[in-house]
Full PDB file with SEQRES, HELIX, SHEET, SSBOND, CRYST1, ORIGX, SCALE, CONECT and MASTER records, all heavy atoms in Angstrom:
SEQRES   1 A   39  ASP VAL LYS ASP LYS THR ARG ALA PHE LEU LYS ILE GLN          
SEQRES   2 A   39  GLU GLY CYS ASN GLN TYR CYS THR TYR CYS ILE ILE PRO          
SEQRES   3 A   39  TYR ALA ARG GLY PRO ILE ARG SER ARG GLY LYS LEU GLU          
HELIX    1 AA1 ILE A   25  ARG A   29  1                                   5    
SHEET    1 AA1 2 GLN A  13  GLU A  14  0                                        
SHEET    2 AA1 2 ARG A  33  SER A  34 -1                                        
CRYST1    1.000    1.000    1.000  90.00  90.00  90.00 P 1           1          
ORIGX1      1.000000  0.000000  0.000000        0.00000                         
ORIGX2      0.000000  1.000000  0.000000        0.00000                         
ORIGX3      0.000000  0.000000  1.000000        0.00000                         
SCALE1      1.000000  0.000000  0.000000        0.00000                         
SCALE2      0.000000  1.000000  0.000000        0.00000                         
SCALE3      0.000000  0.000000  1.000000        0.00000                         
ATOM      1  N   ASP A   1      79.987 117.066 105.284  1.00  0.00           N  
ATOM      2  CA  ASP A   1      78.734 116.599 104.696  1.00  0.00           C  
ATOM      3  C   ASP A   1      78.634 117.066 103.250  1.00  0.00           C  
ATOM      4  O   ASP A   1      78.509 118.256 102.981  1.00  0.00           O  
ATOM      5  CB  ASP A   1      77.537 117.129 105.495  1.00  0.00           C  
ATOM      6  CG  ASP A   1      76.226 116.568 104.991  1.00  0.00           C  
ATOM      7  OD1 ASP A   1      76.239 115.465 104.425  1.00  0.00           O  
ATOM      8  OD2 ASP A   1      75.195 117.240 105.155  1.00  0.00           O  
ATOM      9  N   VAL A   2      78.719 116.129 102.324  1.00  0.00           N  
ATOM     10  CA  VAL A   2      78.635 116.451 100.901  1.00  0.00           C  
ATOM     11  C   VAL A   2      77.545 115.582 100.275  1.00  0.00           C  
ATOM     12  O   VAL A   2      77.463 114.388 100.549  1.00  0.00           O  
ATOM     13  CB  VAL A   2      79.987 116.184 100.185  1.00  0.00           C  
ATOM     14  CG1 VAL A   2      79.935 116.663  98.748  1.00  0.00           C  
ATOM     15  CG2 VAL A   2      81.119 116.869 100.925  1.00  0.00           C  
ATOM     16  N   LYS A   3      76.692 116.206  99.463  1.00  0.00           N  
ATOM     17  CA  LYS A   3      75.576 115.467  98.866  1.00  0.00           C  
ATOM     18  C   LYS A   3      76.073 114.408  97.896  1.00  0.00           C  
ATOM     19  O   LYS A   3      75.595 113.289  97.872  1.00  0.00           O  
ATOM     20  CB  LYS A   3      74.632 116.445  98.162  1.00  0.00           C  
ATOM     21  CG  LYS A   3      73.896 117.368  99.136  1.00  0.00           C  
ATOM     22  CD  LYS A   3      73.013 118.353  98.401  1.00  0.00           C  
ATOM     23  CE  LYS A   3      72.328 119.298  99.386  1.00  0.00           C  
ATOM     24  NZ  LYS A   3      71.507 120.310  98.684  1.00  0.00           N  
ATOM     25  N   ASP A   4      77.029 114.783  97.045  1.00  0.00           N  
ATOM     26  CA  ASP A   4      77.597 113.833  96.088  1.00  0.00           C  
ATOM     27  C   ASP A   4      78.490 112.874  96.866  1.00  0.00           C  
ATOM     28  O   ASP A   4      79.466 113.289  97.477  1.00  0.00           O  
ATOM     29  CB  ASP A   4      78.415 114.596  95.041  1.00  0.00           C  
ATOM     30  CG  ASP A   4      79.197 113.674  94.122  1.00  0.00           C  
ATOM     31  OD1 ASP A   4      78.950 112.458  94.173  1.00  0.00           O  
ATOM     32  OD2 ASP A   4      80.043 114.167  93.367  1.00  0.00           O  
ATOM     33  N   LYS A   5      78.154 111.601  96.864  1.00  0.00           N  
ATOM     34  CA  LYS A   5      78.890 110.639  97.681  1.00  0.00           C  
ATOM     35  C   LYS A   5      79.870 109.796  96.876  1.00  0.00           C  
ATOM     36  O   LYS A   5      80.197 108.683  97.254  1.00  0.00           O  
ATOM     37  CB  LYS A   5      77.899 109.717  98.418  1.00  0.00           C  
ATOM     38  CG  LYS A   5      77.018 110.428  99.427  1.00  0.00           C  
ATOM     39  CD  LYS A   5      77.830 111.001 100.586  1.00  0.00           C  
ATOM     40  CE  LYS A   5      76.926 111.640 101.635  1.00  0.00           C  
ATOM     41  NZ  LYS A   5      77.667 112.258 102.731  1.00  0.00           N  
ATOM     42  N   THR A   6      80.333 110.304  95.749  1.00  0.00           N  
ATOM     43  CA  THR A   6      81.285 109.528  94.958  1.00  0.00           C  
ATOM     44  C   THR A   6      82.661 110.182  94.929  1.00  0.00           C  
ATOM     45  O   THR A   6      83.658 109.561  95.255  1.00  0.00           O  
ATOM     46  CB  THR A   6      80.773 109.344  93.519  1.00  0.00           C  
ATOM     47  OG1 THR A   6      80.428 110.624  92.978  1.00  0.00           O  
ATOM     48  CG2 THR A   6      79.568 108.430  93.483  1.00  0.00           C  
ATOM     49  N   ARG A   7      82.711 111.453  94.545  1.00  0.00           N  
ATOM     50  CA  ARG A   7      83.995 112.143  94.422  1.00  0.00           C  
ATOM     51  C   ARG A   7      83.998 113.382  95.313  1.00  0.00           C  
ATOM     52  O   ARG A   7      83.099 114.211  95.252  1.00  0.00           O  
ATOM     53  CB  ARG A   7      84.226 112.559  92.971  1.00  0.00           C  
ATOM     54  CG  ARG A   7      85.603 113.208  92.751  1.00  0.00           C  
ATOM     55  CD  ARG A   7      85.683 113.933  91.433  1.00  0.00           C  
ATOM     56  NE  ARG A   7      85.242 113.083  90.340  1.00  0.00           N  
ATOM     57  CZ  ARG A   7      84.763 113.555  89.202  1.00  0.00           C  
ATOM     58  NH1 ARG A   7      84.614 114.844  89.019  1.00  0.00           N  
ATOM     59  NH2 ARG A   7      84.389 112.732  88.247  1.00  0.00           N  
ATOM     60  N   ALA A   8      85.041 113.529  96.127  1.00  0.00           N  
ATOM     61  CA  ALA A   8      85.135 114.669  97.038  1.00  0.00           C  
ATOM     62  C   ALA A   8      86.396 115.473  96.744  1.00  0.00           C  
ATOM     63  O   ALA A   8      87.463 114.908  96.510  1.00  0.00           O  
ATOM     64  CB  ALA A   8      85.164 114.198  98.488  1.00  0.00           C  
ATOM     65  N   PHE A   9      86.261 116.810  96.754  1.00  0.00           N  
ATOM     66  CA  PHE A   9      87.417 117.689  96.622  1.00  0.00           C  
ATOM     67  C   PHE A   9      87.967 117.982  98.018  1.00  0.00           C  
ATOM     68  O   PHE A   9      87.204 118.217  98.954  1.00  0.00           O  
ATOM     69  CB  PHE A   9      87.026 118.985  95.915  1.00  0.00           C  
ATOM     70  CG  PHE A   9      86.759 118.792  94.456  1.00  0.00           C  
ATOM     71  CD1 PHE A   9      85.517 118.381  94.005  1.00  0.00           C  
ATOM     72  CD2 PHE A   9      87.765 118.995  93.525  1.00  0.00           C  
ATOM     73  CE1 PHE A   9      85.263 118.182  92.659  1.00  0.00           C  
ATOM     74  CE2 PHE A   9      87.534 118.797  92.169  1.00  0.00           C  
ATOM     75  CZ  PHE A   9      86.281 118.394  91.734  1.00  0.00           C  
ATOM     76  N   LEU A  10      89.274 117.947  98.120  1.00  0.00           N  
ATOM     77  CA  LEU A  10      89.916 118.148  99.412  1.00  0.00           C  
ATOM     78  C   LEU A  10      91.095 119.108  99.232  1.00  0.00           C  
ATOM     79  O   LEU A  10      92.036 118.821  98.493  1.00  0.00           O  
ATOM     80  CB  LEU A  10      90.401 116.800  99.962  1.00  0.00           C  
ATOM     81  CG  LEU A  10      90.790 116.738 101.433  1.00  0.00           C  
ATOM     82  CD1 LEU A  10      90.649 115.323 101.960  1.00  0.00           C  
ATOM     83  CD2 LEU A  10      92.222 117.202 101.640  1.00  0.00           C  
ATOM     84  N   LYS A  11      91.011 120.247  99.887  1.00  0.00           N  
ATOM     85  CA  LYS A  11      92.049 121.274  99.751  1.00  0.00           C  
ATOM     86  C   LYS A  11      93.225 120.954 100.662  1.00  0.00           C  
ATOM     87  O   LYS A  11      93.068 120.800 101.866  1.00  0.00           O  
ATOM     88  CB  LYS A  11      91.463 122.639 100.097  1.00  0.00           C  
ATOM     89  CG  LYS A  11      92.443 123.793  99.938  1.00  0.00           C  
ATOM     90  CD  LYS A  11      91.789 125.094 100.352  1.00  0.00           C  
ATOM     91  CE  LYS A  11      92.805 126.224 100.458  1.00  0.00           C  
ATOM     92  NZ  LYS A  11      92.202 127.443 100.999  1.00  0.00           N  
ATOM     93  N   ILE A  12      94.417 120.857 100.069  1.00  0.00           N  
ATOM     94  CA  ILE A  12      95.600 120.517 100.854  1.00  0.00           C  
ATOM     95  C   ILE A  12      96.652 121.626 100.874  1.00  0.00           C  
ATOM     96  O   ILE A  12      97.645 121.526 101.593  1.00  0.00           O  
ATOM     97  CB  ILE A  12      96.265 119.219 100.334  1.00  0.00           C  
ATOM     98  CG1 ILE A  12      96.867 119.434  98.924  1.00  0.00           C  
ATOM     99  CG2 ILE A  12      95.286 118.057 100.351  1.00  0.00           C  
ATOM    100  CD1 ILE A  12      97.769 118.307  98.464  1.00  0.00           C  
ATOM    101  N   GLN A  13      96.413 122.691 100.110  1.00  0.00           N  
ATOM    102  CA  GLN A  13      97.465 123.694  99.948  1.00  0.00           C  
ATOM    103  C   GLN A  13      96.835 125.034  99.608  1.00  0.00           C  
ATOM    104  O   GLN A  13      95.762 125.100  99.017  1.00  0.00           O  
ATOM    105  CB  GLN A  13      98.438 123.212  98.857  1.00  0.00           C  
ATOM    106  CG  GLN A  13      99.618 124.085  98.548  1.00  0.00           C  
ATOM    107  CD  GLN A  13      99.287 125.206  97.551  1.00  0.00           C  
ATOM    108  OE1 GLN A  13      98.350 125.099  96.776  1.00  0.00           O  
ATOM    109  NE2 GLN A  13     100.057 126.272  97.581  1.00  0.00           N  
ATOM    110  N   GLU A  14      97.509 126.099  99.984  1.00  0.00           N  
ATOM    111  CA  GLU A  14      97.037 127.464  99.737  1.00  0.00           C  
ATOM    112  C   GLU A  14      98.204 128.308  99.231  1.00  0.00           C  
ATOM    113  O   GLU A  14      99.361 128.061  99.569  1.00  0.00           O  
ATOM    114  CB  GLU A  14      96.488 128.043 101.045  1.00  0.00           C  
ATOM    115  CG  GLU A  14      96.034 129.480 100.990  1.00  0.00           C  
ATOM    116  CD  GLU A  14      94.813 129.688 100.118  1.00  0.00           C  
ATOM    117  OE1 GLU A  14      95.016 129.860  98.906  1.00  0.00           O  
ATOM    118  OE2 GLU A  14      93.683 129.692 100.641  1.00  0.00           O  
ATOM    119  N   GLY A  15      97.900 129.321  98.418  1.00  0.00           N  
ATOM    120  CA  GLY A  15      98.907 130.295  97.991  1.00  0.00           C  
ATOM    121  C   GLY A  15      99.779 129.854  96.833  1.00  0.00           C  
ATOM    122  O   GLY A  15      99.790 128.694  96.416  1.00  0.00           O  
ATOM    123  N   CYS A  16     100.510 130.838  96.278  1.00  0.00           N  
ATOM    124  CA  CYS A  16     101.368 130.580  95.113  1.00  0.00           C  
ATOM    125  C   CYS A  16     102.549 131.541  95.122  1.00  0.00           C  
ATOM    126  O   CYS A  16     102.381 132.732  95.393  1.00  0.00           O  
ATOM    127  CB  CYS A  16     100.561 130.755  93.827  1.00  0.00           C  
ATOM    128  SG  CYS A  16     101.511 130.446  92.312  1.00  0.00           S  
ATOM    129  N   ASN A  17     103.733 131.012  94.811  1.00  0.00           N  
ATOM    130  CA  ASN A  17     104.955 131.822  94.749  1.00  0.00           C  
ATOM    131  C   ASN A  17     105.492 131.969  93.327  1.00  0.00           C  
ATOM    132  O   ASN A  17     106.628 132.373  93.131  1.00  0.00           O  
ATOM    133  CB  ASN A  17     106.058 131.193  95.620  1.00  0.00           C  
ATOM    134  CG  ASN A  17     105.741 131.231  97.105  1.00  0.00           C  
ATOM    135  OD1 ASN A  17     104.734 131.803  97.524  1.00  0.00           O  
ATOM    136  ND2 ASN A  17     106.593 130.619  97.903  1.00  0.00           N  
ATOM    137  N   GLN A  18     104.682 131.619  92.318  1.00  0.00           N  
ATOM    138  CA  GLN A  18     105.177 131.574  90.947  1.00  0.00           C  
ATOM    139  C   GLN A  18     105.258 132.950  90.278  1.00  0.00           C  
ATOM    140  O   GLN A  18     106.161 133.214  89.501  1.00  0.00           O  
ATOM    141  CB  GLN A  18     104.293 130.650  90.103  1.00  0.00           C  
ATOM    142  CG  GLN A  18     104.312 129.197  90.546  1.00  0.00           C  
ATOM    143  CD  GLN A  18     105.679 128.564  90.458  1.00  0.00           C  
ATOM    144  OE1 GLN A  18     106.386 128.460  91.455  1.00  0.00           O  
ATOM    145  NE2 GLN A  18     106.073 128.166  89.267  1.00  0.00           N  
ATOM    146  N   TYR A  19     104.278 133.801  90.500  1.00  0.00           N  
ATOM    147  CA  TYR A  19     104.237 135.155  89.940  1.00  0.00           C  
ATOM    148  C   TYR A  19     104.348 135.179  88.418  1.00  0.00           C  
ATOM    149  O   TYR A  19     105.189 135.870  87.840  1.00  0.00           O  
ATOM    150  CB  TYR A  19     105.310 136.041  90.572  1.00  0.00           C  
ATOM    151  CG  TYR A  19     105.007 136.345  92.022  1.00  0.00           C  
ATOM    152  CD1 TYR A  19     105.587 135.589  93.038  1.00  0.00           C  
ATOM    153  CD2 TYR A  19     104.121 137.357  92.367  1.00  0.00           C  
ATOM    154  CE1 TYR A  19     105.288 135.842  94.380  1.00  0.00           C  
ATOM    155  CE2 TYR A  19     103.809 137.612  93.700  1.00  0.00           C  
ATOM    156  CZ  TYR A  19     104.390 136.852  94.691  1.00  0.00           C  
ATOM    157  OH  TYR A  19     104.088 137.095  96.006  1.00  0.00           O  
ATOM    158  N   CYS A  20     103.474 134.418  87.758  1.00  0.00           N  
ATOM    159  CA  CYS A  20     103.350 134.545  86.303  1.00  0.00           C  
ATOM    160  C   CYS A  20     102.845 135.954  86.000  1.00  0.00           C  
ATOM    161  O   CYS A  20     102.043 136.502  86.760  1.00  0.00           O  
ATOM    162  CB  CYS A  20     102.378 133.494  85.763  1.00  0.00           C  
ATOM    163  SG  CYS A  20     102.902 131.801  86.106  1.00  0.00           S  
ATOM    164  N   THR A  21     103.303 136.540  84.912  1.00  0.00           N  
ATOM    165  CA  THR A  21     103.039 137.962  84.668  1.00  0.00           C  
ATOM    166  C   THR A  21     101.579 138.290  84.377  1.00  0.00           C  
ATOM    167  O   THR A  21     101.182 139.448  84.449  1.00  0.00           O  
ATOM    168  CB  THR A  21     103.911 138.477  83.506  1.00  0.00           C  
ATOM    169  OG1 THR A  21     103.637 137.692  82.335  1.00  0.00           O  
ATOM    170  CG2 THR A  21     105.387 138.404  83.835  1.00  0.00           C  
ATOM    171  N   TYR A  22     100.768 137.274  84.040  1.00  0.00           N  
ATOM    172  CA  TYR A  22      99.362 137.502  83.720  1.00  0.00           C  
ATOM    173  C   TYR A  22      98.444 137.258  84.918  1.00  0.00           C  
ATOM    174  O   TYR A  22      97.241 137.507  84.833  1.00  0.00           O  
ATOM    175  CB  TYR A  22      98.916 136.582  82.571  1.00  0.00           C  
ATOM    176  CG  TYR A  22      99.201 135.116  82.829  1.00  0.00           C  
ATOM    177  CD1 TYR A  22      98.344 134.339  83.597  1.00  0.00           C  
ATOM    178  CD2 TYR A  22     100.352 134.514  82.321  1.00  0.00           C  
ATOM    179  CE1 TYR A  22      98.620 133.011  83.852  1.00  0.00           C  
ATOM    180  CE2 TYR A  22     100.638 133.193  82.564  1.00  0.00           C  
ATOM    181  CZ  TYR A  22      99.770 132.439  83.338  1.00  0.00           C  
ATOM    182  OH  TYR A  22     100.057 131.122  83.595  1.00  0.00           O  
ATOM    183  N   CYS A  23      98.988 136.776  86.029  1.00  0.00           N  
ATOM    184  CA  CYS A  23      98.159 136.198  87.079  1.00  0.00           C  
ATOM    185  C   CYS A  23      98.129 137.039  88.361  1.00  0.00           C  
ATOM    186  O   CYS A  23      99.173 137.408  88.901  1.00  0.00           O  
ATOM    187  CB  CYS A  23      98.657 134.788  87.397  1.00  0.00           C  
ATOM    188  SG  CYS A  23      97.583 133.892  88.535  1.00  0.00           S  
ATOM    189  N   ILE A  24      96.917 137.274  88.868  1.00  0.00           N  
ATOM    190  CA  ILE A  24      96.719 138.056  90.084  1.00  0.00           C  
ATOM    191  C   ILE A  24      96.711 137.171  91.337  1.00  0.00           C  
ATOM    192  O   ILE A  24      96.786 137.672  92.473  1.00  0.00           O  
ATOM    193  CB  ILE A  24      95.379 138.840  89.991  1.00  0.00           C  
ATOM    194  CG1 ILE A  24      95.306 139.959  91.035  1.00  0.00           C  
ATOM    195  CG2 ILE A  24      94.183 137.910  90.121  1.00  0.00           C  
ATOM    196  CD1 ILE A  24      96.224 141.125  90.792  1.00  0.00           C  
ATOM    197  N   ILE A  25      96.639 135.873  91.153  1.00  0.00           N  
ATOM    198  CA  ILE A  25      96.401 134.963  92.278  1.00  0.00           C  
ATOM    199  C   ILE A  25      97.458 135.039  93.396  1.00  0.00           C  
ATOM    200  O   ILE A  25      97.095 135.004  94.582  1.00  0.00           O  
ATOM    201  CB  ILE A  25      96.239 133.511  91.768  1.00  0.00           C  
ATOM    202  CG1 ILE A  25      94.960 133.399  90.933  1.00  0.00           C  
ATOM    203  CG2 ILE A  25      96.195 132.515  92.917  1.00  0.00           C  
ATOM    204  CD1 ILE A  25      93.689 133.849  91.653  1.00  0.00           C  
ATOM    205  N   PRO A  26      98.753 135.154  93.104  1.00  0.00           N  
ATOM    206  CA  PRO A  26      99.705 135.272  94.219  1.00  0.00           C  
ATOM    207  C   PRO A  26      99.418 136.464  95.129  1.00  0.00           C  
ATOM    208  O   PRO A  26      99.691 136.419  96.334  1.00  0.00           O  
ATOM    209  CB  PRO A  26     101.052 135.436  93.506  1.00  0.00           C  
ATOM    210  CG  PRO A  26     100.870 134.760  92.197  1.00  0.00           C  
ATOM    211  CD  PRO A  26      99.452 135.065  91.804  1.00  0.00           C  
ATOM    212  N   TYR A  27      98.852 137.534  94.559  1.00  0.00           N  
ATOM    213  CA  TYR A  27      98.522 138.724  95.341  1.00  0.00           C  
ATOM    214  C   TYR A  27      97.200 138.538  96.099  1.00  0.00           C  
ATOM    215  O   TYR A  27      96.965 139.190  97.117  1.00  0.00           O  
ATOM    216  CB  TYR A  27      98.420 139.944  94.427  1.00  0.00           C  
ATOM    217  CG  TYR A  27      99.616 140.104  93.521  1.00  0.00           C  
ATOM    218  CD1 TYR A  27      99.590 139.620  92.213  1.00  0.00           C  
ATOM    219  CD2 TYR A  27     100.788 140.722  93.971  1.00  0.00           C  
ATOM    220  CE1 TYR A  27     100.697 139.755  91.374  1.00  0.00           C  
ATOM    221  CE2 TYR A  27     101.885 140.866  93.137  1.00  0.00           C  
ATOM    222  CZ  TYR A  27     101.833 140.379  91.845  1.00  0.00           C  
ATOM    223  OH  TYR A  27     102.930 140.503  91.012  1.00  0.00           O  
ATOM    224  N   ALA A  28      96.352 137.639  95.573  1.00  0.00           N  
ATOM    225  CA  ALA A  28      95.059 137.388  96.212  1.00  0.00           C  
ATOM    226  C   ALA A  28      95.140 136.291  97.264  1.00  0.00           C  
ATOM    227  O   ALA A  28      94.408 136.318  98.257  1.00  0.00           O  
ATOM    228  CB  ALA A  28      94.021 136.995  95.156  1.00  0.00           C  
ATOM    229  N   ARG A  29      96.022 135.340  97.043  1.00  0.00           N  
ATOM    230  CA  ARG A  29      96.096 134.176  97.924  1.00  0.00           C  
ATOM    231  C   ARG A  29      97.328 134.150  98.824  1.00  0.00           C  
ATOM    232  O   ARG A  29      97.387 133.363  99.775  1.00  0.00           O  
ATOM    233  CB  ARG A  29      96.058 132.894  97.076  1.00  0.00           C  
ATOM    234  CG  ARG A  29      94.712 132.638  96.414  1.00  0.00           C  
ATOM    235  CD  ARG A  29      93.734 132.042  97.395  1.00  0.00           C  
ATOM    236  NE  ARG A  29      92.413 131.783  96.797  1.00  0.00           N  
ATOM    237  CZ  ARG A  29      91.471 131.056  97.383  1.00  0.00           C  
ATOM    238  NH1 ARG A  29      91.684 130.530  98.574  1.00  0.00           N  
ATOM    239  NH2 ARG A  29      90.308 130.890  96.798  1.00  0.00           N  
ATOM    240  N   GLY A  30      98.320 134.973  98.487  1.00  0.00           N  
ATOM    241  CA  GLY A  30      99.503 135.042  99.331  1.00  0.00           C  
ATOM    242  C   GLY A  30     100.490 133.921  99.078  1.00  0.00           C  
ATOM    243  O   GLY A  30     100.364 133.154  98.115  1.00  0.00           O  
ATOM    244  N   PRO A  31     101.510 133.804  99.943  1.00  0.00           N  
ATOM    245  CA  PRO A  31     102.548 132.793  99.767  1.00  0.00           C  
ATOM    246  C   PRO A  31     102.023 131.384 100.048  1.00  0.00           C  
ATOM    247  O   PRO A  31     100.954 131.208 100.637  1.00  0.00           O  
ATOM    248  CB  PRO A  31     103.607 133.190 100.802  1.00  0.00           C  
ATOM    249  CG  PRO A  31     102.832 133.912 101.865  1.00  0.00           C  
ATOM    250  CD  PRO A  31     101.736 134.636 101.137  1.00  0.00           C  
ATOM    251  N   ILE A  32     102.778 130.388  99.622  1.00  0.00           N  
ATOM    252  CA  ILE A  32     102.346 128.999  99.789  1.00  0.00           C  
ATOM    253  C   ILE A  32     102.246 128.625 101.270  1.00  0.00           C  
ATOM    254  O   ILE A  32     103.101 128.969 102.074  1.00  0.00           O  
ATOM    255  CB  ILE A  32     103.269 128.013  99.050  1.00  0.00           C  
ATOM    256  CG1 ILE A  32     104.736 128.155  99.501  1.00  0.00           C  
ATOM    257  CG2 ILE A  32     103.162 128.188  97.554  1.00  0.00           C  
ATOM    258  CD1 ILE A  32     105.640 127.076  98.948  1.00  0.00           C  
ATOM    259  N   ARG A  33     101.152 127.922 101.592  1.00  0.00           N  
ATOM    260  CA  ARG A  33     100.956 127.344 102.925  1.00  0.00           C  
ATOM    261  C   ARG A  33     100.385 125.946 102.738  1.00  0.00           C  
ATOM    262  O   ARG A  33      99.455 125.754 101.948  1.00  0.00           O  
ATOM    263  CB  ARG A  33      99.970 128.173 103.772  1.00  0.00           C  
ATOM    264  CG  ARG A  33     100.523 129.477 104.292  1.00  0.00           C  
ATOM    265  CD  ARG A  33     100.066 130.650 103.461  1.00  0.00           C  
ATOM    266  NE  ARG A  33      98.645 130.937 103.616  1.00  0.00           N  
ATOM    267  CZ  ARG A  33      97.955 131.652 102.728  1.00  0.00           C  
ATOM    268  NH1 ARG A  33      98.537 132.121 101.631  1.00  0.00           N  
ATOM    269  NH2 ARG A  33      96.674 131.911 102.932  1.00  0.00           N  
ATOM    270  N   SER A  34     100.950 124.994 103.443  1.00  0.00           N  
ATOM    271  CA  SER A  34     100.547 123.596 103.278  1.00  0.00           C  
ATOM    272  C   SER A  34      99.773 123.096 104.492  1.00  0.00           C  
ATOM    273  O   SER A  34     100.096 123.426 105.631  1.00  0.00           O  
ATOM    274  CB  SER A  34     101.785 122.713 103.075  1.00  0.00           C  
ATOM    275  OG  SER A  34     102.550 123.164 101.974  1.00  0.00           O  
ATOM    276  N   ARG A  35      98.780 122.296 104.220  1.00  0.00           N  
ATOM    277  CA  ARG A  35      97.983 121.698 105.288  1.00  0.00           C  
ATOM    278  C   ARG A  35      98.751 120.540 105.907  1.00  0.00           C  
ATOM    279  O   ARG A  35      99.507 119.831 105.228  1.00  0.00           O  
ATOM    280  CB  ARG A  35      96.663 121.197 104.708  1.00  0.00           C  
ATOM    281  CG  ARG A  35      95.636 120.784 105.742  1.00  0.00           C  
ATOM    282  CD  ARG A  35      94.345 120.372 105.064  1.00  0.00           C  
ATOM    283  NE  ARG A  35      93.297 120.133 106.037  1.00  0.00           N  
ATOM    284  CZ  ARG A  35      92.084 119.669 105.725  1.00  0.00           C  
ATOM    285  NH1 ARG A  35      91.791 119.411 104.461  1.00  0.00           N  
ATOM    286  NH2 ARG A  35      91.183 119.466 106.665  1.00  0.00           N  
ATOM    287  N   GLY A  36      98.550 120.305 107.186  1.00  0.00           N  
ATOM    288  CA  GLY A  36      99.258 119.230 107.871  1.00  0.00           C  
ATOM    289  C   GLY A  36      98.864 117.851 107.367  1.00  0.00           C  
ATOM    290  O   GLY A  36      97.708 117.611 106.999  1.00  0.00           O  
ATOM    291  N   LYS A  37      99.834 116.947 107.361  1.00  0.00           N  
ATOM    292  CA  LYS A  37      99.597 115.580 106.869  1.00  0.00           C  
ATOM    293  C   LYS A  37      98.491 114.879 107.660  1.00  0.00           C  
ATOM    294  O   LYS A  37      97.608 114.236 107.084  1.00  0.00           O  
ATOM    295  CB  LYS A  37     100.890 114.769 106.970  1.00  0.00           C  
ATOM    296  CG  LYS A  37     100.798 113.371 106.376  1.00  0.00           C  
ATOM    297  CD  LYS A  37     101.988 112.515 106.744  1.00  0.00           C  
ATOM    298  CE  LYS A  37     103.281 113.045 106.194  1.00  0.00           C  
ATOM    299  NZ  LYS A  37     104.429 112.130 106.449  1.00  0.00           N  
ATOM    300  N   LEU A  38      98.515 115.006 108.972  1.00  0.00           N  
ATOM    301  CA  LEU A  38      97.518 114.339 109.811  1.00  0.00           C  
ATOM    302  C   LEU A  38      96.113 114.818 109.481  1.00  0.00           C  
ATOM    303  O   LEU A  38      95.177 114.003 109.350  1.00  0.00           O  
ATOM    304  CB  LEU A  38      97.823 114.602 111.293  1.00  0.00           C  
ATOM    305  CG  LEU A  38      96.823 114.015 112.296  1.00  0.00           C  
ATOM    306  CD1 LEU A  38      96.814 112.492 112.199  1.00  0.00           C  
ATOM    307  CD2 LEU A  38      97.168 114.452 113.723  1.00  0.00           C  
ATOM    308  N   GLU A  39      95.942 116.144 109.322  1.00  0.00           N  
ATOM    309  CA  GLU A  39      94.626 116.710 109.017  1.00  0.00           C  
ATOM    310  C   GLU A  39      94.115 116.227 107.661  1.00  0.00           C  
ATOM    311  O   GLU A  39      92.918 115.946 107.498  1.00  0.00           O  
ATOM    312  CB  GLU A  39      94.677 118.238 109.041  1.00  0.00           C  
ATOM    313  CG  GLU A  39      94.833 118.863 110.422  1.00  0.00           C  
ATOM    314  CD  GLU A  39      96.247 118.781 110.971  1.00  0.00           C  
ATOM    315  OE1 GLU A  39      97.180 118.441 110.195  1.00  0.00           O  
ATOM    316  OE2 GLU A  39      96.427 119.056 112.165  1.00  0.00           O  
TER     317      GLU A  39                                                      
MASTER        0    0    0    1    2    0    0    6  316    1    0    3          
END                                                                             
């Protein structure tokens, strides 16, 4: 249920394996995990 009925954000992936030297996100989000195609 989203109030804005024009554009919806849909998360399909989690995590990052890049480890850029300035970025904390790989440590906060962990390794890459992908959502299933059917879902």
